[in-house]
Amino acid sequence: MNERTFAVVANILSSMPSQQHWDDRVSAVYAIAMKDWDDSLTQRAVMKCLMTKRWRPTPAEIREVALQLKRVHVPSHTAYEQVKHVVLYYPPHEREQAVDRLVKQGKVSPSIPLAIATLGGWRNVGHMTEDKLSDVIENAVVRAVEDPRIDDVLKTPLLELSSGGMKMIGE
C-alpha cells in the first residue's frame, strides 16, 4: 500500500468511533498490518468497515473483511465442487497450473491451492473417492484460511467478480 492510500485509510479509521484515541502509535500499528496490501483492496475493505461496523475495526477485523472481498472464505460444498472440477477436467500434471489460472480468473477460491497442499497434493486428491474428498475438504479449507501464506492474496489486485456476472465454480 502506498503512502497516499494509507493517508486516506488513516483518515477514515481515525474518524470512526473507538475507545482507543487515534495517535501515531495506533496509526503505525495499522500501517504495519496493511503495508503489503493492494491499494484498491485496502480502500474497499476499510470502506466496507466504515459502512458496516459501529466501531473502528482492529487490523485483524479489516483483514477478515479483505479476505471476504477476495473470496478466500467459501462454503465447504463450493470448495468441494472447485476441487472436483479441477480433478475431473485436468490431467494430474496440469492441475497445479490450472488451479493457479482459475484463481487468477476468480473462478476458484485462493484458499484451494493451500487446502490441496494440506491434503497431500493434487495426485493424492485425485485418488480420493468423492465421499473421502467431501469429508476432508472442509477441514482442509479451514486450515488453509488460517495459514499465514494466505495473506499473499492481499497483495494482489481485487477482481471485479460482480461486474460481469462471473461466478465461482460451485456457486
Protein backbone atom coordinates (compact mmCIF):
# COMPACT_ATOMS: atom_id res chain seq x y z
CA MET A 1 0.00 0.00 0.00
CA ASN A 2 1.38 3.39 -0.89
CA GLU A 3 1.52 6.41 1.42
CA ARG A 4 -1.34 8.22 -0.31
CA THR A 5 -3.65 5.24 0.13
CA PHE A 6 -2.67 4.94 3.77
CA ALA A 7 -3.38 8.63 4.33
CA VAL A 8 -6.94 8.12 3.03
CA VAL A 9 -7.39 4.93 5.03
CA ALA A 10 -5.96 6.51 8.19
CA ASN A 11 -8.32 9.49 7.88
CA ILE A 12 -11.31 7.17 7.62
CA LEU A 13 -10.18 4.98 10.51
CA SER A 14 -9.30 7.93 12.74
CA SER A 15 -12.79 9.35 12.30
CA MET A 16 -14.53 6.13 13.34
CA PRO A 17 -15.69 5.85 16.95
CA SER A 18 -13.33 3.98 19.27
CA GLN A 19 -12.27 3.91 22.89
CA GLN A 20 -8.66 3.96 21.66
CA HIS A 21 -7.60 7.51 20.83
CA TRP A 22 -6.04 7.77 17.35
CA ASP A 23 -2.37 8.76 17.62
CA ASP A 24 0.92 7.98 15.90
CA ARG A 25 1.29 4.64 17.69
CA VAL A 26 -2.16 3.45 16.62
CA SER A 27 -1.56 4.73 13.11
CA ALA A 28 1.74 2.82 12.96
CA VAL A 29 0.06 -0.43 14.00
CA TYR A 30 -2.47 -0.15 11.16
CA ALA A 31 0.27 0.84 8.69
CA ILE A 32 2.37 -2.19 9.62
CA ALA A 33 -0.59 -4.56 9.42
CA MET A 34 -1.62 -3.39 5.93
CA LYS A 35 1.75 -2.39 4.45
CA ASP A 36 1.87 -5.05 1.72
CA TRP A 37 -1.81 -4.98 0.76
CA ASP A 38 -3.07 -3.90 -2.63
CA ASP A 39 -4.22 -0.26 -2.59
CA SER A 40 -7.69 -0.80 -4.03
CA LEU A 41 -8.33 -3.82 -1.80
CA THR A 42 -7.27 -1.84 1.29
CA GLN A 43 -9.56 1.07 0.42
CA ARG A 44 -12.52 -1.22 -0.32
CA ALA A 45 -12.02 -3.17 2.91
CA VAL A 46 -11.84 -0.02 5.03
CA MET A 47 -14.85 1.49 3.24
CA LYS A 48 -16.84 -1.67 3.88
CA CYS A 49 -15.87 -1.45 7.55
CA LEU A 50 -16.93 2.20 7.61
CA MET A 51 -20.33 1.26 6.27
CA THR A 52 -20.90 -1.88 8.35
CA LYS A 53 -19.06 -1.52 11.67
CA ARG A 54 -20.23 0.58 14.57
CA TRP A 55 -16.69 0.97 15.96
CA ARG A 56 -13.24 1.30 14.45
CA PRO A 57 -12.21 -2.21 13.42
CA THR A 58 -8.98 -3.76 14.54
CA PRO A 59 -6.40 -4.63 11.88
CA ALA A 60 -7.49 -8.28 12.25
CA GLU A 61 -11.11 -7.33 11.51
CA ILE A 62 -10.05 -5.35 8.43
CA ARG A 63 -8.03 -8.39 7.30
CA GLU A 64 -11.13 -10.58 7.63
CA VAL A 65 -13.13 -8.13 5.51
CA ALA A 66 -10.33 -8.06 2.91
CA LEU A 67 -10.25 -11.87 2.81
CA GLN A 68 -14.03 -11.86 2.28
CA LEU A 69 -13.66 -9.40 -0.58
CA LYS A 70 -11.01 -11.67 -2.12
CA ARG A 71 -13.43 -14.59 -1.71
CA VAL A 72 -11.00 -16.66 0.31
CA HIS A 73 -13.73 -18.00 2.59
CA VAL A 74 -16.02 -20.29 0.63
CA PRO A 75 -18.55 -22.81 1.89
CA SER A 76 -17.25 -26.38 2.00
CA HIS A 77 -19.63 -27.52 -0.75
CA THR A 78 -18.26 -24.79 -3.05
CA ALA A 79 -14.67 -25.77 -2.24
CA TYR A 80 -15.55 -29.41 -2.91
CA GLU A 81 -17.05 -28.52 -6.31
CA GLN A 82 -13.99 -26.45 -7.23
CA VAL A 83 -11.59 -29.27 -6.35
CA LYS A 84 -13.78 -31.84 -8.09
CA HIS A 85 -13.88 -29.66 -11.22
CA VAL A 86 -10.08 -29.49 -11.39
CA VAL A 87 -9.70 -33.25 -10.80
CA LEU A 88 -12.29 -34.11 -13.47
CA TYR A 89 -11.22 -31.70 -16.19
CA TYR A 90 -7.43 -31.55 -15.89
CA PRO A 91 -4.83 -34.33 -16.01
CA PRO A 92 -2.68 -34.68 -12.87
CA HIS A 93 0.36 -32.92 -14.35
CA GLU A 94 -1.73 -29.84 -15.33
CA ARG A 95 -3.82 -29.39 -12.17
CA GLU A 96 -1.50 -27.06 -10.29
CA GLN A 97 -1.15 -24.66 -13.23
CA ALA A 98 -4.86 -24.92 -13.98
CA VAL A 99 -5.91 -24.02 -10.45
CA ASP A 100 -3.48 -21.09 -10.39
CA ARG A 101 -5.05 -19.82 -13.62
CA LEU A 102 -8.59 -20.37 -12.27
CA VAL A 103 -7.71 -18.48 -9.07
CA LYS A 104 -6.44 -15.53 -11.14
CA GLN A 105 -9.68 -15.59 -13.15
CA GLY A 106 -11.77 -15.54 -9.96
CA LYS A 107 -13.35 -18.93 -10.65
CA VAL A 108 -11.65 -20.73 -7.75
CA SER A 109 -11.00 -19.53 -4.20
CA PRO A 110 -7.38 -18.60 -3.38
CA SER A 111 -7.62 -20.99 -0.41
CA ILE A 112 -7.90 -24.07 -2.66
CA PRO A 113 -4.17 -24.43 -3.53
CA LEU A 114 -3.25 -24.30 0.17
CA ALA A 115 -6.04 -26.75 1.04
CA ILE A 116 -4.77 -29.17 -1.60
CA ALA A 117 -1.24 -28.90 -0.20
CA THR A 118 -2.52 -29.91 3.26
CA LEU A 119 -4.22 -32.93 1.67
CA GLY A 120 -1.00 -34.17 0.07
CA GLY A 121 -1.19 -32.54 -3.34
CA TRP A 122 -3.26 -32.98 -6.49
CA ARG A 123 -2.18 -36.58 -7.16
CA ASN A 124 -3.30 -37.66 -3.70
CA VAL A 125 -6.59 -35.78 -4.02
CA GLY A 126 -7.17 -37.32 -7.45
CA HIS A 127 -7.05 -40.80 -5.90
CA MET A 128 -9.64 -40.00 -3.22
CA THR A 129 -13.21 -41.19 -3.51
CA GLU A 130 -15.87 -38.49 -3.70
CA ASP A 131 -17.02 -39.38 -0.19
CA LYS A 132 -13.48 -39.14 1.22
CA LEU A 133 -12.88 -35.81 -0.55
CA SER A 134 -16.19 -34.48 0.74
CA ASP A 135 -15.20 -35.50 4.27
CA VAL A 136 -11.73 -33.90 4.27
CA ILE A 137 -12.22 -30.74 2.21
CA GLU A 138 -13.95 -28.63 4.88
CA ASN A 139 -11.16 -29.13 7.42
CA ALA A 140 -8.52 -28.54 4.74
CA VAL A 141 -10.10 -25.24 3.69
CA VAL A 142 -10.33 -24.07 7.32
CA ARG A 143 -6.64 -24.89 7.81
CA ALA A 144 -5.78 -23.10 4.56
CA VAL A 145 -7.57 -19.92 5.64
CA GLU A 146 -5.63 -19.98 8.91
CA ASP A 147 -2.31 -20.50 7.09
CA PRO A 148 -0.16 -17.32 7.16
CA ARG A 149 0.62 -17.81 3.45
CA ILE A 150 -3.00 -16.88 2.64
CA ASP A 151 -2.05 -13.25 3.33
CA ASP A 152 -0.25 -13.27 -0.02
CA VAL A 153 -3.66 -12.87 -1.70
CA LEU A 154 -3.98 -9.47 -0.03
CA LYS A 155 -1.04 -8.24 -2.11
CA THR A 156 -2.81 -8.84 -5.43
CA PRO A 157 -5.45 -6.60 -7.01
CA LEU A 158 -9.09 -7.24 -6.32
CA LEU A 159 -11.02 -8.91 -9.14
CA GLU A 160 -14.31 -7.30 -10.10
CA LEU A 161 -16.32 -10.51 -9.96
CA SER A 162 -19.68 -8.84 -9.67
CA SER A 163 -19.29 -6.57 -12.70
CA GLY A 164 -19.55 -9.26 -15.37
CA GLY A 165 -21.90 -11.61 -13.62
CA MET A 166 -18.98 -14.02 -13.21
CA LYS A 167 -19.45 -16.71 -10.63
CA MET A 168 -17.04 -19.08 -8.98
CA ILE A 169 -17.20 -22.76 -9.81
CA GLY A 170 -19.69 -24.42 -7.46
CA GLU A 171 -21.89 -21.37 -6.89
